[in-house]
């Protein structure tokens, strides 16, 4: 899979390279050495892709997804009763058909409700519709400080 030392001239020309760079919004090469390096790299990458495309895949099942399909990988991805035991313990069975219903957890909201939202505000404005805090940008303060 090593490309030929001299790339085929029909594969990619400097004009095609410049076109691809513009399409990709990438900067054009600054020197002829940089352009030659880009052409060599692109030639090598195209050669690699062509070699991959030439691989005989007869009889190989197509890949449906990328995942670990070894026994250990399947075992790690399998969710069993042990993993669900805590969640299943939070369910009660209701009705004739014993449908599972999750128990509601009591959340202590006192700390959240007693939190002073405006406690750290540097400046506060009270209006008939409520209290608000003011955010002053540093740019306006700098402009005011620079004015004589």
N, C-alpha and C. Protein backbone atom coordinates (compact mmCIF):
# COMPACT_ATOMS: atom_id res chain seq x y z
N UNK A 1 0.81 -1.19 0.00
CA UNK A 1 0.00 0.00 0.00
C UNK A 1 0.86 1.26 0.00
N UNK A 2 2.09 1.14 -0.33
CA UNK A 2 2.95 2.31 -0.42
C UNK A 2 2.78 2.89 -1.82
N UNK A 3 2.48 4.20 -1.91
CA UNK A 3 2.27 4.79 -3.23
C UNK A 3 3.57 4.86 -4.02
N UNK A 4 3.42 4.98 -5.32
CA UNK A 4 4.59 5.12 -6.18
C UNK A 4 5.33 6.39 -5.79
N UNK A 5 6.66 6.38 -5.98
CA UNK A 5 7.46 7.54 -5.56
C UNK A 5 7.12 8.78 -6.37
N UNK A 6 6.71 8.60 -7.63
CA UNK A 6 6.29 9.75 -8.43
C UNK A 6 4.80 9.63 -8.68
N UNK A 7 4.02 10.56 -8.14
CA UNK A 7 2.58 10.47 -8.31
C UNK A 7 2.18 10.65 -9.77
N UNK A 8 1.14 9.95 -10.16
CA UNK A 8 0.64 10.07 -11.52
C UNK A 8 0.12 11.49 -11.72
N UNK A 9 0.52 12.10 -12.83
CA UNK A 9 0.15 13.50 -13.06
C UNK A 9 -1.35 13.67 -13.26
N UNK A 10 -2.04 12.61 -13.70
CA UNK A 10 -3.48 12.72 -13.96
C UNK A 10 -4.31 12.67 -12.69
N UNK A 11 -3.72 12.22 -11.59
CA UNK A 11 -4.50 12.08 -10.36
C UNK A 11 -4.95 13.42 -9.80
N UNK A 12 -4.02 14.26 -9.45
CA UNK A 12 -4.36 15.55 -8.84
C UNK A 12 -3.34 16.58 -9.30
N UNK A 13 -3.84 17.67 -9.80
CA UNK A 13 -2.97 18.74 -10.29
C UNK A 13 -2.97 19.87 -9.27
N UNK A 14 -1.99 20.77 -9.35
CA UNK A 14 -2.00 21.93 -8.45
C UNK A 14 -3.29 22.74 -8.58
N UNK A 15 -3.84 22.81 -9.81
CA UNK A 15 -5.10 23.54 -10.01
C UNK A 15 -6.23 22.86 -9.23
N UNK A 16 -6.29 21.51 -9.29
CA UNK A 16 -7.32 20.77 -8.53
C UNK A 16 -7.11 20.94 -7.03
N UNK A 17 -5.85 20.94 -6.60
CA UNK A 17 -5.54 21.14 -5.18
C UNK A 17 -6.05 22.49 -4.71
N UNK A 18 -5.77 23.54 -5.49
CA UNK A 18 -6.22 24.89 -5.12
C UNK A 18 -7.75 24.94 -5.08
N UNK A 19 -8.40 24.27 -6.03
CA UNK A 19 -9.86 24.23 -6.05
C UNK A 19 -10.40 23.53 -4.80
N UNK A 20 -9.81 22.40 -4.44
CA UNK A 20 -10.24 21.67 -3.23
C UNK A 20 -10.01 22.50 -1.97
N UNK A 21 -8.89 23.20 -1.91
CA UNK A 21 -8.61 24.04 -0.74
C UNK A 21 -9.63 25.17 -0.63
N UNK A 22 -10.00 25.78 -1.76
CA UNK A 22 -11.01 26.85 -1.72
C UNK A 22 -12.36 26.29 -1.30
N UNK A 23 -12.74 25.11 -1.82
CA UNK A 23 -14.02 24.49 -1.43
C UNK A 23 -14.04 24.16 0.06
N UNK A 24 -12.89 23.81 0.60
CA UNK A 24 -12.79 23.45 2.02
C UNK A 24 -12.55 24.66 2.91
N UNK A 25 -12.45 25.84 2.32
CA UNK A 25 -12.16 27.08 3.07
C UNK A 25 -10.83 26.97 3.81
N UNK A 26 -9.87 26.30 3.18
CA UNK A 26 -8.53 26.17 3.76
C UNK A 26 -7.59 27.12 3.04
N UNK A 27 -6.54 27.57 3.70
CA UNK A 27 -5.61 28.52 3.06
C UNK A 27 -4.80 27.83 1.96
N UNK A 28 -4.50 28.61 0.94
CA UNK A 28 -3.67 28.10 -0.15
C UNK A 28 -2.24 27.97 0.34
N UNK A 29 -1.45 27.09 -0.27
CA UNK A 29 -0.05 26.94 0.17
C UNK A 29 0.73 28.24 -0.06
N UNK A 30 1.65 28.51 0.87
CA UNK A 30 2.43 29.75 0.82
C UNK A 30 3.65 29.63 -0.10
N UNK A 31 4.09 28.40 -0.32
CA UNK A 31 5.28 28.21 -1.16
C UNK A 31 5.10 26.97 -2.03
N UNK A 32 5.99 26.83 -2.99
CA UNK A 32 5.91 25.65 -3.87
C UNK A 32 6.27 24.38 -3.10
N UNK A 33 7.13 24.49 -2.07
CA UNK A 33 7.47 23.32 -1.25
C UNK A 33 6.24 22.85 -0.47
N UNK A 34 5.49 23.81 0.08
CA UNK A 34 4.28 23.45 0.84
C UNK A 34 3.25 22.83 -0.10
N UNK A 35 3.15 23.36 -1.32
CA UNK A 35 2.22 22.81 -2.30
C UNK A 35 2.62 21.39 -2.67
N UNK A 36 3.92 21.16 -2.88
CA UNK A 36 4.41 19.82 -3.21
C UNK A 36 4.14 18.84 -2.07
N UNK A 37 4.31 19.31 -0.84
CA UNK A 37 4.03 18.46 0.32
C UNK A 37 2.55 18.11 0.40
N UNK A 38 1.69 19.10 0.14
CA UNK A 38 0.24 18.84 0.14
C UNK A 38 -0.15 17.86 -0.95
N UNK A 39 0.42 18.03 -2.13
CA UNK A 39 0.13 17.12 -3.24
C UNK A 39 0.59 15.70 -2.91
N UNK A 40 1.76 15.56 -2.31
CA UNK A 40 2.27 14.23 -1.94
C UNK A 40 1.37 13.59 -0.89
N UNK A 41 0.95 14.37 0.10
CA UNK A 41 0.07 13.84 1.14
C UNK A 41 -1.27 13.42 0.55
N UNK A 42 -1.83 14.26 -0.30
CA UNK A 42 -3.12 13.95 -0.92
C UNK A 42 -2.99 12.71 -1.81
N UNK A 43 -1.89 12.61 -2.54
CA UNK A 43 -1.66 11.42 -3.38
C UNK A 43 -1.59 10.16 -2.52
N UNK A 44 -0.89 10.24 -1.40
CA UNK A 44 -0.77 9.10 -0.49
C UNK A 44 -2.14 8.70 0.06
N UNK A 45 -2.94 9.70 0.43
CA UNK A 45 -4.27 9.41 0.98
C UNK A 45 -5.17 8.79 -0.08
N UNK A 46 -5.13 9.32 -1.30
CA UNK A 46 -5.94 8.76 -2.38
C UNK A 46 -5.51 7.33 -2.71
N UNK A 47 -4.21 7.08 -2.69
CA UNK A 47 -3.70 5.74 -2.94
C UNK A 47 -4.22 4.77 -1.87
N UNK A 48 -4.22 5.22 -0.61
CA UNK A 48 -4.72 4.39 0.48
C UNK A 48 -6.20 4.06 0.27
N UNK A 49 -6.99 5.07 -0.08
CA UNK A 49 -8.43 4.85 -0.30
C UNK A 49 -8.64 3.89 -1.46
N UNK A 50 -7.88 4.03 -2.53
CA UNK A 50 -8.01 3.11 -3.66
C UNK A 50 -7.66 1.68 -3.27
N UNK A 51 -6.64 1.51 -2.44
CA UNK A 51 -6.29 0.17 -1.97
C UNK A 51 -7.39 -0.41 -1.10
N UNK A 52 -7.99 0.40 -0.27
CA UNK A 52 -9.10 -0.07 0.57
C UNK A 52 -10.28 -0.48 -0.32
N UNK A 53 -10.56 0.31 -1.35
CA UNK A 53 -11.66 0.00 -2.26
C UNK A 53 -11.40 -1.28 -3.05
N UNK A 54 -10.15 -1.65 -3.24
CA UNK A 54 -9.81 -2.85 -4.00
C UNK A 54 -9.81 -4.12 -3.16
N UNK A 55 -10.04 -4.01 -1.87
CA UNK A 55 -10.05 -5.19 -1.00
C UNK A 55 -11.25 -6.06 -1.37
N UNK A 56 -11.00 -7.37 -1.47
CA UNK A 56 -12.07 -8.31 -1.82
C UNK A 56 -12.97 -8.51 -0.60
N UNK A 57 -14.22 -8.11 -0.73
CA UNK A 57 -15.18 -8.25 0.38
C UNK A 57 -16.24 -9.30 0.07
N UNK A 58 -15.95 -10.15 -0.88
CA UNK A 58 -16.89 -11.22 -1.24
C UNK A 58 -17.09 -12.14 -0.05
N UNK A 59 -18.33 -12.34 0.34
CA UNK A 59 -18.65 -13.24 1.45
C UNK A 59 -18.54 -12.59 2.82
N UNK A 60 -18.21 -11.30 2.88
CA UNK A 60 -18.10 -10.60 4.16
C UNK A 60 -19.43 -9.91 4.43
N UNK A 61 -19.98 -10.17 5.61
CA UNK A 61 -21.26 -9.56 5.97
C UNK A 61 -21.08 -8.06 6.17
N UNK A 62 -21.97 -7.23 5.60
CA UNK A 62 -21.83 -5.78 5.75
C UNK A 62 -21.94 -5.34 7.21
N UNK A 63 -21.19 -4.31 7.55
CA UNK A 63 -21.22 -3.76 8.90
C UNK A 63 -22.50 -2.95 9.07
N UNK A 64 -23.25 -3.25 10.13
CA UNK A 64 -24.49 -2.53 10.38
C UNK A 64 -24.29 -1.40 11.37
N UNK A 65 -23.41 -1.59 12.32
CA UNK A 65 -23.10 -0.53 13.28
C UNK A 65 -21.73 -0.83 13.89
N UNK A 66 -21.14 0.22 14.43
CA UNK A 66 -19.82 0.06 15.04
C UNK A 66 -20.02 -0.17 16.53
N UNK A 67 -19.75 -1.35 16.97
CA UNK A 67 -19.85 -1.69 18.39
C UNK A 67 -19.01 -2.94 18.64
N UNK A 68 -18.76 -3.18 19.90
CA UNK A 68 -17.98 -4.35 20.30
C UNK A 68 -18.91 -5.56 20.29
N UNK A 69 -18.74 -6.45 19.33
CA UNK A 69 -19.60 -7.62 19.21
C UNK A 69 -18.94 -8.89 19.74
N UNK A 70 -17.87 -8.73 20.52
CA UNK A 70 -17.26 -9.89 21.16
C UNK A 70 -18.14 -10.31 22.33
N UNK A 71 -17.87 -11.48 22.89
CA UNK A 71 -18.67 -11.96 24.03
C UNK A 71 -18.59 -10.99 25.20
N UNK A 72 -17.39 -10.47 25.47
CA UNK A 72 -17.23 -9.51 26.57
C UNK A 72 -17.99 -8.22 26.29
N UNK A 73 -17.96 -7.75 25.05
CA UNK A 73 -18.66 -6.52 24.69
C UNK A 73 -20.16 -6.66 24.83
N UNK A 74 -20.69 -7.80 24.40
CA UNK A 74 -22.13 -8.05 24.52
C UNK A 74 -22.51 -8.17 25.99
N UNK A 75 -21.66 -8.82 26.78
CA UNK A 75 -21.93 -8.97 28.21
C UNK A 75 -21.95 -7.61 28.90
N UNK A 76 -21.01 -6.72 28.55
CA UNK A 76 -20.97 -5.39 29.15
C UNK A 76 -22.19 -4.55 28.76
N UNK A 77 -22.69 -4.73 27.54
CA UNK A 77 -23.82 -3.92 27.06
C UNK A 77 -25.17 -4.47 27.51
N UNK A 78 -25.20 -5.69 28.01
CA UNK A 78 -26.46 -6.30 28.42
C UNK A 78 -26.91 -5.76 29.77
N UNK A 79 -28.17 -5.34 29.84
CA UNK A 79 -28.74 -4.84 31.09
C UNK A 79 -29.57 -5.96 31.69
N UNK A 80 -29.21 -6.35 32.89
CA UNK A 80 -29.92 -7.43 33.56
C UNK A 80 -30.68 -6.94 34.77
N UNK A 81 -31.25 -7.89 35.50
CA UNK A 81 -32.06 -7.57 36.69
C UNK A 81 -31.21 -6.90 37.75
N UNK A 82 -29.95 -7.30 37.88
CA UNK A 82 -29.08 -6.71 38.91
C UNK A 82 -28.92 -5.21 38.69
N UNK A 83 -28.76 -4.80 37.44
CA UNK A 83 -28.61 -3.38 37.15
C UNK A 83 -29.90 -2.61 37.40
N UNK A 84 -31.04 -3.29 37.27
CA UNK A 84 -32.34 -2.63 37.43
C UNK A 84 -32.93 -2.77 38.82
N UNK A 85 -32.27 -3.52 39.69
CA UNK A 85 -32.84 -3.83 41.00
C UNK A 85 -33.21 -2.56 41.78
N UNK A 86 -32.35 -1.55 41.78
CA UNK A 86 -32.64 -0.32 42.53
C UNK A 86 -33.87 0.40 41.96
N UNK A 87 -33.95 0.51 40.64
CA UNK A 87 -35.10 1.17 40.01
C UNK A 87 -36.37 0.37 40.23
N UNK A 88 -36.28 -0.96 40.14
CA UNK A 88 -37.47 -1.79 40.35
C UNK A 88 -37.94 -1.73 41.80
N UNK A 89 -37.02 -1.49 42.73
CA UNK A 89 -37.38 -1.38 44.14
C UNK A 89 -38.18 -0.13 44.45
N UNK A 90 -38.18 0.84 43.54
CA UNK A 90 -38.92 2.09 43.74
C UNK A 90 -40.31 2.03 43.11
N UNK A 91 -40.78 0.83 42.75
CA UNK A 91 -42.08 0.70 42.11
C UNK A 91 -43.05 -0.04 43.02
N UNK A 92 -44.31 0.39 42.96
CA UNK A 92 -45.41 -0.30 43.64
C UNK A 92 -46.33 -0.83 42.55
N UNK A 93 -47.05 -1.90 42.89
CA UNK A 93 -47.98 -2.48 41.92
C UNK A 93 -49.38 -2.06 42.30
N UNK A 94 -50.12 -1.50 41.35
CA UNK A 94 -51.46 -0.96 41.59
C UNK A 94 -52.47 -1.67 40.71
N UNK A 95 -53.68 -1.79 41.23
CA UNK A 95 -54.81 -2.27 40.44
C UNK A 95 -54.87 -3.77 40.30
N UNK A 96 -55.91 -4.19 39.61
CA UNK A 96 -56.16 -5.61 39.41
C UNK A 96 -55.08 -6.25 38.54
N UNK A 97 -54.58 -5.50 37.58
CA UNK A 97 -53.56 -6.03 36.68
C UNK A 97 -52.15 -5.83 37.21
N UNK A 98 -52.05 -5.28 38.41
CA UNK A 98 -50.77 -5.06 39.08
C UNK A 98 -49.78 -4.30 38.19
N UNK A 99 -50.26 -3.16 37.68
CA UNK A 99 -49.40 -2.33 36.85
C UNK A 99 -48.38 -1.62 37.72
N UNK A 100 -47.13 -1.62 37.32
CA UNK A 100 -46.11 -0.95 38.14
C UNK A 100 -46.25 0.57 38.07
N UNK A 101 -46.09 1.20 39.23
CA UNK A 101 -46.14 2.65 39.31
C UNK A 101 -44.99 3.10 40.20
N UNK A 102 -44.19 4.03 39.72
CA UNK A 102 -43.04 4.49 40.47
C UNK A 102 -43.47 5.34 41.65
N UNK A 103 -42.85 5.07 42.81
CA UNK A 103 -43.10 5.89 44.00
C UNK A 103 -42.50 7.26 43.80
N UNK A 104 -43.23 8.28 44.19
CA UNK A 104 -42.71 9.64 44.10
C UNK A 104 -41.76 9.88 45.25
N UNK A 105 -40.66 10.53 44.94
CA UNK A 105 -39.69 10.86 45.97
C UNK A 105 -40.00 12.25 46.51
N UNK A 106 -39.94 12.39 47.82
CA UNK A 106 -40.18 13.69 48.44
C UNK A 106 -38.87 14.48 48.35
N UNK A 107 -38.96 15.64 47.72
CA UNK A 107 -37.79 16.49 47.55
C UNK A 107 -37.90 17.65 48.52
N UNK A 108 -36.84 17.87 49.30
CA UNK A 108 -36.83 18.98 50.24
C UNK A 108 -36.48 20.24 49.46
N UNK A 109 -37.49 21.04 49.16
CA UNK A 109 -37.30 22.24 48.35
C UNK A 109 -37.09 23.48 49.19
N UNK A 110 -37.02 23.34 50.51
CA UNK A 110 -36.87 24.53 51.36
C UNK A 110 -35.58 25.28 51.04
N UNK A 111 -34.49 24.56 50.84
CA UNK A 111 -33.22 25.22 50.55
C UNK A 111 -33.29 25.97 49.22
N UNK A 112 -33.93 25.40 48.26
CA UNK A 112 -34.04 26.03 46.95
C UNK A 112 -34.97 27.23 47.02
N UNK A 113 -36.10 27.08 47.69
CA UNK A 113 -37.07 28.17 47.76
C UNK A 113 -36.59 29.33 48.61
N UNK A 114 -35.74 29.09 49.58
CA UNK A 114 -35.23 30.16 50.43
C UNK A 114 -33.99 30.82 49.87
N UNK A 115 -33.54 30.42 48.72
CA UNK A 115 -32.34 30.96 48.11
C UNK A 115 -32.62 32.37 47.62
N UNK A 116 -31.75 33.30 47.96
CA UNK A 116 -31.89 34.69 47.54
C UNK A 116 -31.20 34.85 46.19
N UNK A 117 -31.99 34.90 45.15
CA UNK A 117 -31.46 34.98 43.80
C UNK A 117 -30.67 36.27 43.60
N UNK A 118 -31.15 37.36 44.18
CA UNK A 118 -30.52 38.66 43.98
C UNK A 118 -29.47 38.95 45.04
N UNK A 119 -29.12 37.98 45.87
CA UNK A 119 -28.17 38.19 46.96
C UNK A 119 -26.79 38.60 46.50
N UNK A 120 -26.36 38.13 45.35
CA UNK A 120 -25.02 38.47 44.88
C UNK A 120 -25.04 39.56 43.82
N UNK A 121 -26.22 40.11 43.53
CA UNK A 121 -26.31 41.16 42.51
C UNK A 121 -25.66 42.44 43.01
N UNK A 122 -24.87 43.05 42.16
CA UNK A 122 -24.24 44.32 42.52
C UNK A 122 -25.24 45.46 42.54
N UNK A 123 -26.22 45.39 41.67
CA UNK A 123 -27.23 46.44 41.57
C UNK A 123 -28.58 45.79 41.34
N UNK A 124 -29.61 46.32 41.98
CA UNK A 124 -30.93 45.72 41.93
C UNK A 124 -31.95 46.80 41.60
N UNK A 125 -32.94 46.47 40.78
CA UNK A 125 -33.99 47.41 40.41
C UNK A 125 -35.32 46.81 40.83
N UNK A 126 -36.13 47.61 41.52
CA UNK A 126 -37.47 47.17 41.93
C UNK A 126 -38.49 47.85 41.04
N UNK A 127 -39.36 47.06 40.44
CA UNK A 127 -40.42 47.59 39.59
C UNK A 127 -41.74 47.00 40.08
N UNK A 128 -42.87 47.53 39.61
CA UNK A 128 -44.16 46.95 40.02
C UNK A 128 -44.29 45.47 39.63
N UNK A 129 -43.59 45.04 38.58
CA UNK A 129 -43.71 43.65 38.15
C UNK A 129 -42.70 42.72 38.82
N UNK A 130 -41.79 43.26 39.64
CA UNK A 130 -40.85 42.40 40.35
C UNK A 130 -39.50 43.05 40.54
N UNK A 131 -38.56 42.24 41.03
CA UNK A 131 -37.20 42.71 41.26
C UNK A 131 -36.29 42.11 40.20
N UNK A 132 -35.35 42.93 39.74
CA UNK A 132 -34.43 42.49 38.70
C UNK A 132 -33.02 42.92 39.07
N UNK A 133 -32.02 42.21 38.56
CA UNK A 133 -30.65 42.67 38.78
C UNK A 133 -30.12 43.25 37.48
N UNK A 134 -29.17 44.16 37.61
CA UNK A 134 -28.63 44.89 36.47
C UNK A 134 -27.23 44.37 36.18
N UNK A 135 -26.95 44.15 34.91
CA UNK A 135 -25.62 43.72 34.48
C UNK A 135 -25.01 44.87 33.70
N UNK A 136 -23.89 45.34 34.16
CA UNK A 136 -23.17 46.42 33.48
C UNK A 136 -21.95 45.81 32.79
N UNK A 137 -21.78 46.14 31.52
CA UNK A 137 -20.63 45.57 30.81
C UNK A 137 -19.38 46.37 31.12
N UNK A 138 -18.24 45.73 31.04
CA UNK A 138 -16.97 46.39 31.33
C UNK A 138 -16.59 47.42 30.29
N UNK A 139 -17.09 47.29 29.06
CA UNK A 139 -16.72 48.22 27.99
C UNK A 139 -17.25 49.61 28.27
N UNK A 140 -18.47 49.75 28.75
CA UNK A 140 -19.05 51.07 29.04
C UNK A 140 -18.29 51.72 30.18
N UNK A 141 -17.91 50.95 31.20
CA UNK A 141 -17.17 51.49 32.33
C UNK A 141 -15.80 51.99 31.88
N UNK A 142 -15.15 51.25 30.97
CA UNK A 142 -13.84 51.66 30.46
C UNK A 142 -13.96 52.94 29.64
N UNK A 143 -15.03 53.07 28.84
CA UNK A 143 -15.22 54.27 28.02
C UNK A 143 -15.47 55.48 28.91
N UNK A 144 -16.24 55.31 29.99
CA UNK A 144 -16.51 56.41 30.92
C UNK A 144 -15.24 56.81 31.66
N UNK A 145 -14.40 55.86 32.00
CA UNK A 145 -13.16 56.15 32.72
C UNK A 145 -12.16 56.86 31.82
N UNK A 146 -12.17 56.56 30.52
CA UNK A 146 -11.23 57.17 29.58
C UNK A 146 -11.63 58.59 29.21
N UNK A 147 -12.92 58.93 29.34
CA UNK A 147 -13.39 60.29 28.99
C UNK A 147 -12.88 61.29 30.01
N UNK A 148 -12.37 62.49 29.57
CA UNK A 148 -11.85 63.48 30.53
C UNK A 148 -12.94 64.22 31.25
